[in-house]
C-alpha atoms as a PDB file:
ATOM      1  CA  UNK A   1     -50.278  35.657 -28.135  1.00  0.00           C
ATOM      2  CA  UNK A   2     -47.484  35.027 -25.902  1.00  0.00           C
ATOM      3  CA  UNK A   3     -44.212  33.153 -26.233  1.00  0.00           C
ATOM      4  CA  UNK A   4     -42.716  30.995 -23.476  1.00  0.00           C
ATOM      5  CA  UNK A   5     -38.871  30.120 -24.104  1.00  0.00           C
ATOM      6  CA  UNK A   6     -37.585  26.865 -22.342  1.00  0.00           C
ATOM      7  CA  UNK A   7     -34.208  27.906 -20.662  1.00  0.00           C
ATOM      8  CA  UNK A   8     -32.778  24.773 -20.180  1.00  0.00           C
ATOM      9  CA  UNK A   9     -29.506  24.876 -17.921  1.00  0.00           C
ATOM     10  CA  UNK A  10     -27.032  22.538 -19.537  1.00  0.00           C
ATOM     11  CA  UNK A  11     -24.471  21.727 -17.161  1.00  0.00           C
ATOM     12  CA  UNK A  12     -21.307  19.781 -18.268  1.00  0.00           C
ATOM     13  CA  UNK A  13     -19.990  16.368 -16.517  1.00  0.00           C
ATOM     14  CA  UNK A  14     -16.392  15.407 -15.978  1.00  0.00           C
ATOM     15  CA  UNK A  15     -14.854  12.351 -15.156  1.00  0.00           C
ATOM     16  CA  UNK A  16     -12.268  13.378 -12.845  1.00  0.00           C
ATOM     17  CA  UNK A  17      -8.929  11.706 -12.322  1.00  0.00           C
ATOM     18  CA  UNK A  18      -6.993  12.990  -9.543  1.00  0.00           C
ATOM     19  CA  UNK A  19      -3.030  12.406  -8.512  1.00  0.00           C
ATOM     20  CA  UNK A  20      -2.345  13.646  -5.081  1.00  0.00           C
ATOM     21  CA  UNK A  21       1.417  12.979  -3.515  1.00  0.00           C
ATOM     22  CA  UNK A  22       4.331  14.991  -1.629  1.00  0.00           C
ATOM     23  CA  UNK A  23       7.073  16.334  -4.326  1.00  0.00           C
ATOM     24  CA  UNK A  24       9.497  19.100  -4.902  1.00  0.00           C
ATOM     25  CA  UNK A  25       8.531  22.384  -6.617  1.00  0.00           C
ATOM     26  CA  UNK A  26      10.560  23.325  -9.771  1.00  0.00           C
ATOM     27  CA  UNK A  27      10.791  25.111 -13.054  1.00  0.00           C
ATOM     28  CA  UNK A  28       7.772  27.557 -12.283  1.00  0.00           C
ATOM     29  CA  UNK A  29       7.277  29.829 -15.673  1.00  0.00           C
ATOM     30  CA  UNK A  30       4.838  32.448 -17.382  1.00  0.00           C
ATOM     31  CA  UNK A  31       3.760  30.713 -20.426  1.00  0.00           C
ATOM     32  CA  UNK A  32       2.762  33.651 -23.419  1.00  0.00           C
ATOM     33  CA  UNK A  33       0.515  32.267 -25.895  1.00  0.00           C
ATOM     34  CA  UNK A  34      -1.965  34.374 -28.740  1.00  0.00           C
ATOM     35  CA  UNK A  35      -4.504  34.187 -26.209  1.00  0.00           C
ATOM     36  CA  UNK A  36      -2.335  35.333 -23.030  1.00  0.00           C
ATOM     37  CA  UNK A  37      -0.454  33.951 -20.585  1.00  0.00           C
ATOM     38  CA  UNK A  38      -0.681  30.845 -17.969  1.00  0.00           C
ATOM     39  CA  UNK A  39       1.399  29.427 -15.065  1.00  0.00           C
ATOM     40  CA  UNK A  40       3.324  26.013 -15.442  1.00  0.00           C
ATOM     41  CA  UNK A  41       5.445  24.234 -13.221  1.00  0.00           C
ATOM     42  CA  UNK A  42       7.525  21.042 -12.592  1.00  0.00           C
ATOM     43  CA  UNK A  43       6.664  19.013  -9.451  1.00  0.00           C
ATOM     44  CA  UNK A  44       9.287  16.074  -8.750  1.00  0.00           C
ATOM     45  CA  UNK A  45       6.567  13.131  -6.724  1.00  0.00           C
ATOM     46  CA  UNK A  46       8.198  11.000  -4.438  1.00  0.00           C
ATOM     47  CA  UNK A  47       7.062   7.415  -4.845  1.00  0.00           C
ATOM     48  CA  UNK A  48       8.320   4.186  -3.804  1.00  0.00           C
ATOM     49  CA  UNK A  49       9.670   3.097  -0.453  1.00  0.00           C
ATOM     50  CA  UNK A  50      10.556   5.763   1.994  1.00  0.00           C
ATOM     51  CA  UNK A  51      14.365   5.321   2.466  1.00  0.00           C
ATOM     52  CA  UNK A  52      15.603   4.073   5.525  1.00  0.00           C
ATOM     53  CA  UNK A  53      19.587   5.123   5.321  1.00  0.00           C
ATOM     54  CA  UNK A  54      21.519   7.897   3.843  1.00  0.00           C
ATOM     55  CA  UNK A  55      22.800   5.821   1.118  1.00  0.00           C
ATOM     56  CA  UNK A  56      19.207   5.031  -0.476  1.00  0.00           C
ATOM     57  CA  UNK A  57      17.992   7.467  -2.579  1.00  0.00           C
ATOM     58  CA  UNK A  58      14.033   8.274  -3.357  1.00  0.00           C
ATOM     59  CA  UNK A  59      12.492   7.623  -6.415  1.00  0.00           C
ATOM     60  CA  UNK A  60      10.796  10.169  -8.554  1.00  0.00           C
ATOM     61  CA  UNK A  61       7.836  10.757 -10.863  1.00  0.00           C
ATOM     62  CA  UNK A  62       7.972  14.448 -12.558  1.00  0.00           C
ATOM     63  CA  UNK A  63       4.534  16.133 -13.430  1.00  0.00           C
ATOM     64  CA  UNK A  64       4.651  19.097 -15.809  1.00  0.00           C
ATOM     65  CA  UNK A  65       1.896  20.726 -14.826  1.00  0.00           C
ATOM     66  CA  UNK A  66      -0.246  23.916 -15.972  1.00  0.00           C
ATOM     67  CA  UNK A  67      -1.388  25.201 -12.969  1.00  0.00           C
ATOM     68  CA  UNK A  68      -5.015  25.852 -12.705  1.00  0.00           C
ATOM     69  CA  UNK A  69      -6.333  26.471  -9.073  1.00  0.00           C
ATOM     70  CA  UNK A  70      -6.588  29.946  -7.835  1.00  0.00           C
ATOM     71  CA  UNK A  71      -5.083  28.526  -3.974  1.00  0.00           C
ATOM     72  CA  UNK A  72      -2.439  26.876  -6.208  1.00  0.00           C
ATOM     73  CA  UNK A  73      -1.588  29.851  -8.335  1.00  0.00           C
ATOM     74  CA  UNK A  74      -0.863  32.510  -5.487  1.00  0.00           C
ATOM     75  CA  UNK A  75       0.827  29.194  -3.271  1.00  0.00           C
ATOM     76  CA  UNK A  76       3.452  28.465  -6.216  1.00  0.00           C
ATOM     77  CA  UNK A  77       3.938  32.271  -6.991  1.00  0.00           C
ATOM     78  CA  UNK A  78       4.725  32.635  -3.013  1.00  0.00           C
ATOM     79  CA  UNK A  79       7.120  29.862  -3.026  1.00  0.00           C
ATOM     80  CA  UNK A  80       8.477  30.888  -7.082  1.00  0.00           C
ATOM     81  CA  UNK A  81      11.167  32.902  -5.079  1.00  0.00           C
ATOM     82  CA  UNK A  82      12.573  29.838  -2.819  1.00  0.00           C
ATOM     83  CA  UNK A  83      12.890  27.699  -6.064  1.00  0.00           C
ATOM     84  CA  UNK A  84      14.537  30.595  -7.708  1.00  0.00           C
ATOM     85  CA  UNK A  85      17.316  30.287  -4.898  1.00  0.00           C
ATOM     86  CA  UNK A  86      17.293  26.903  -5.453  1.00  0.00           C
ATOM     87  CA  UNK A  87      16.104  26.559  -1.790  1.00  0.00           C
ATOM     88  CA  UNK A  88      14.187  22.674  -1.515  1.00  0.00           C
ATOM     89  CA  UNK A  89      10.385  23.426  -1.698  1.00  0.00           C
ATOM     90  CA  UNK A  90       8.522  20.129  -0.692  1.00  0.00           C
ATOM     91  CA  UNK A  91       4.654  20.369  -1.055  1.00  0.00           C
ATOM     92  CA  UNK A  92       1.602  18.302  -0.725  1.00  0.00           C
ATOM     93  CA  UNK A  93      -0.474  18.387  -3.803  1.00  0.00           C
ATOM     94  CA  UNK A  94      -3.051  17.430  -6.007  1.00  0.00           C
ATOM     95  CA  UNK A  95      -2.973  17.422  -9.700  1.00  0.00           C
ATOM     96  CA  UNK A  96      -5.948  16.363 -12.205  1.00  0.00           C
ATOM     97  CA  UNK A  97      -6.422  15.091 -15.146  1.00  0.00           C
ATOM     98  CA  UNK A  98      -2.830  13.207 -15.883  1.00  0.00           C
ATOM     99  CA  UNK A  99      -1.603  11.976 -19.031  1.00  0.00           C
ATOM    100  CA  UNK A 100       1.729  11.305 -20.879  1.00  0.00           C
ATOM    101  CA  UNK A 101       3.109  12.686 -23.614  1.00  0.00           C
ATOM    102  CA  UNK A 102       5.785  11.765 -25.907  1.00  0.00           C
ATOM    103  CA  UNK A 103       9.207  14.157 -26.726  1.00  0.00           C
ATOM    104  CA  UNK A 104      12.185  14.172 -28.115  1.00  0.00           C
ATOM    105  CA  UNK A 105      15.199  14.886 -26.416  1.00  0.00           C
ATOM    106  CA  UNK A 106      17.162  17.862 -27.843  1.00  0.00           C
ATOM    107  CA  UNK A 107      20.749  18.010 -25.842  1.00  0.00           C
ATOM    108  CA  UNK A 108      22.517  16.221 -23.691  1.00  0.00           C
ATOM    109  CA  UNK A 109      23.618  12.838 -23.434  1.00  0.00           C
ATOM    110  CA  UNK A 110      20.130  11.702 -24.463  1.00  0.00           C
ATOM    111  CA  UNK A 111      19.787  13.875 -27.825  1.00  0.00           C
ATOM    112  CA  UNK A 112      17.713  12.558 -30.534  1.00  0.00           C
ATOM    113  CA  UNK A 113      15.964   9.726 -27.965  1.00  0.00           C
ATOM    114  CA  UNK A 114      12.409   9.584 -26.979  1.00  0.00           C
ATOM    115  CA  UNK A 115      10.803  10.546 -23.486  1.00  0.00           C
ATOM    116  CA  UNK A 116       7.844  10.430 -21.711  1.00  0.00           C
ATOM    117  CA  UNK A 117       6.728  13.499 -19.737  1.00  0.00           C
ATOM    118  CA  UNK A 118       3.624  13.019 -17.211  1.00  0.00           C
ATOM    119  CA  UNK A 119       1.424  16.302 -17.587  1.00  0.00           C
ATOM    120  CA  UNK A 120      -1.676  17.737 -15.579  1.00  0.00           C
ATOM    121  CA  UNK A 121      -2.768  20.601 -14.134  1.00  0.00           C
ATOM    122  CA  UNK A 122      -2.078  21.382 -10.806  1.00  0.00           C
ATOM    123  CA  UNK A 123      -5.080  21.998  -8.660  1.00  0.00           C
ATOM    124  CA  UNK A 124      -4.125  22.464  -5.228  1.00  0.00           C
ATOM    125  CA  UNK A 125      -0.915  22.869  -3.279  1.00  0.00           C
ATOM    126  CA  UNK A 126      -1.245  21.838   0.494  1.00  0.00           C
ATOM    127  CA  UNK A 127       0.903  21.812   3.375  1.00  0.00           C
ATOM    128  CA  UNK A 128       4.520  23.063   2.655  1.00  0.00           C
ATOM    129  CA  UNK A 129       8.311  23.133   3.523  1.00  0.00           C
ATOM    130  CA  UNK A 130      11.249  25.321   2.760  1.00  0.00           C
ATOM    131  CA  UNK A 131      14.742  23.802   3.226  1.00  0.00           C
ATOM    132  CA  UNK A 132      12.488  21.775   5.856  1.00  0.00           C
ATOM    133  CA  UNK A 133      10.502  24.551   7.599  1.00  0.00           C
ATOM    134  CA  UNK A 134       7.483  24.888   7.158  1.00  0.00           C
ATOM    135  CA  UNK A 135       5.241  27.664   5.334  1.00  0.00           C
ATOM    136  CA  UNK A 136       2.548  28.809   7.397  1.00  0.00           C
ATOM    137  CA  UNK A 137      -0.096  29.519   5.277  1.00  0.00           C
ATOM    138  CA  UNK A 138      -2.310  30.888   7.434  1.00  0.00           C
ATOM    139  CA  UNK A 139       0.086  33.948   8.516  1.00  0.00           C
ATOM    140  CA  UNK A 140       0.790  34.427   4.441  1.00  0.00           C
ATOM    141  CA  UNK A 141      -2.921  34.783   3.686  1.00  0.00           C
ATOM    142  CA  UNK A 142      -3.383  32.466   1.420  1.00  0.00           C
ATOM    143  CA  UNK A 143      -5.946  30.296   3.059  1.00  0.00           C
ATOM    144  CA  UNK A 144      -6.903  26.049   2.512  1.00  0.00           C
ATOM    145  CA  UNK A 145      -9.780  25.962  -0.150  1.00  0.00           C
ATOM    146  CA  UNK A 146     -12.579  24.311   1.578  1.00  0.00           C
ATOM    147  CA  UNK A 147     -12.475  20.237   0.861  1.00  0.00           C
ATOM    148  CA  UNK A 148     -15.805  18.389  -0.186  1.00  0.00           C
ATOM    149  CA  UNK A 149     -15.859  15.166   0.711  1.00  0.00           C
ATOM    150  CA  UNK A 150     -17.768  13.863  -2.118  1.00  0.00           C
ATOM    151  CA  UNK A 151     -15.532  15.057  -4.787  1.00  0.00           C
ATOM    152  CA  UNK A 152     -11.961  13.530  -3.905  1.00  0.00           C
ATOM    153  CA  UNK A 153     -10.723  16.302  -2.513  1.00  0.00           C
ATOM    154  CA  UNK A 154      -8.747  15.017   0.515  1.00  0.00           C
ATOM    155  CA  UNK A 155      -5.483  15.544   1.340  1.00  0.00           C
ATOM    156  CA  UNK A 156      -2.792  12.996   0.222  1.00  0.00           C
ATOM    157  CA  UNK A 157      -2.360  10.133   2.755  1.00  0.00           C
ATOM    158  CA  UNK A 158       1.524  11.393   3.535  1.00  0.00           C
ATOM    159  CA  UNK A 159       1.296  14.133   5.160  1.00  0.00           C
ATOM    160  CA  UNK A 160       3.735  16.627   4.715  1.00  0.00           C
ATOM    161  CA  UNK A 161       4.255  16.870   8.271  1.00  0.00           C
ATOM    162  CA  UNK A 162       5.549  13.129   8.612  1.00  0.00           C
ATOM    163  CA  UNK A 163       7.900  13.767   6.077  1.00  0.00           C
ATOM    164  CA  UNK A 164      11.811  14.625   6.844  1.00  0.00           C
ATOM    165  CA  UNK A 165      12.568  16.457   3.429  1.00  0.00           C
ATOM    166  CA  UNK A 166      16.525  16.464   4.843  1.00  0.00           C
ATOM    167  CA  UNK A 167      16.543  13.255   4.081  1.00  0.00           C
ATOM    168  CA  UNK A 168      15.359  12.923   0.493  1.00  0.00           C
ATOM    169  CA  UNK A 169      18.226  15.885  -0.660  1.00  0.00           C
ATOM    170  CA  UNK A 170      20.151  14.878  -3.303  1.00  0.00           C
END
């Protein structure tokens, strides 16, 4: 008597929600948990109408993200020293599975008030600038991940190459 095992390959399907844009990198940190550690950062994404004169200020949406993409982690760690030195680090980004989370301000003028934070998973970092100077990722040795037309992994529409980061300086 012989036995046959039915091996079925179970694949998990996901609904992907991807957000792409241009924004400033900040608050890069390593978070320790019982099971190990992970990296996280904040991205101040630019939105709304592009300012046309120095009196106009850009609008921002802030994302607090866990860094999940291998390429994104390599690039964020490369950019970390520039962020810590208060340089303006502007990046093209792709975030997955965003959601809002409520919190309570613990200090400052809003202490005790409720706020909302956008959260997600940082999947990719594209073109980047440090104080307006483009980072050559090929020269640094951190290549782009291949893009697949079917998974929505295309670059953000407003290429960072067309953005003058100095006009957004606070």
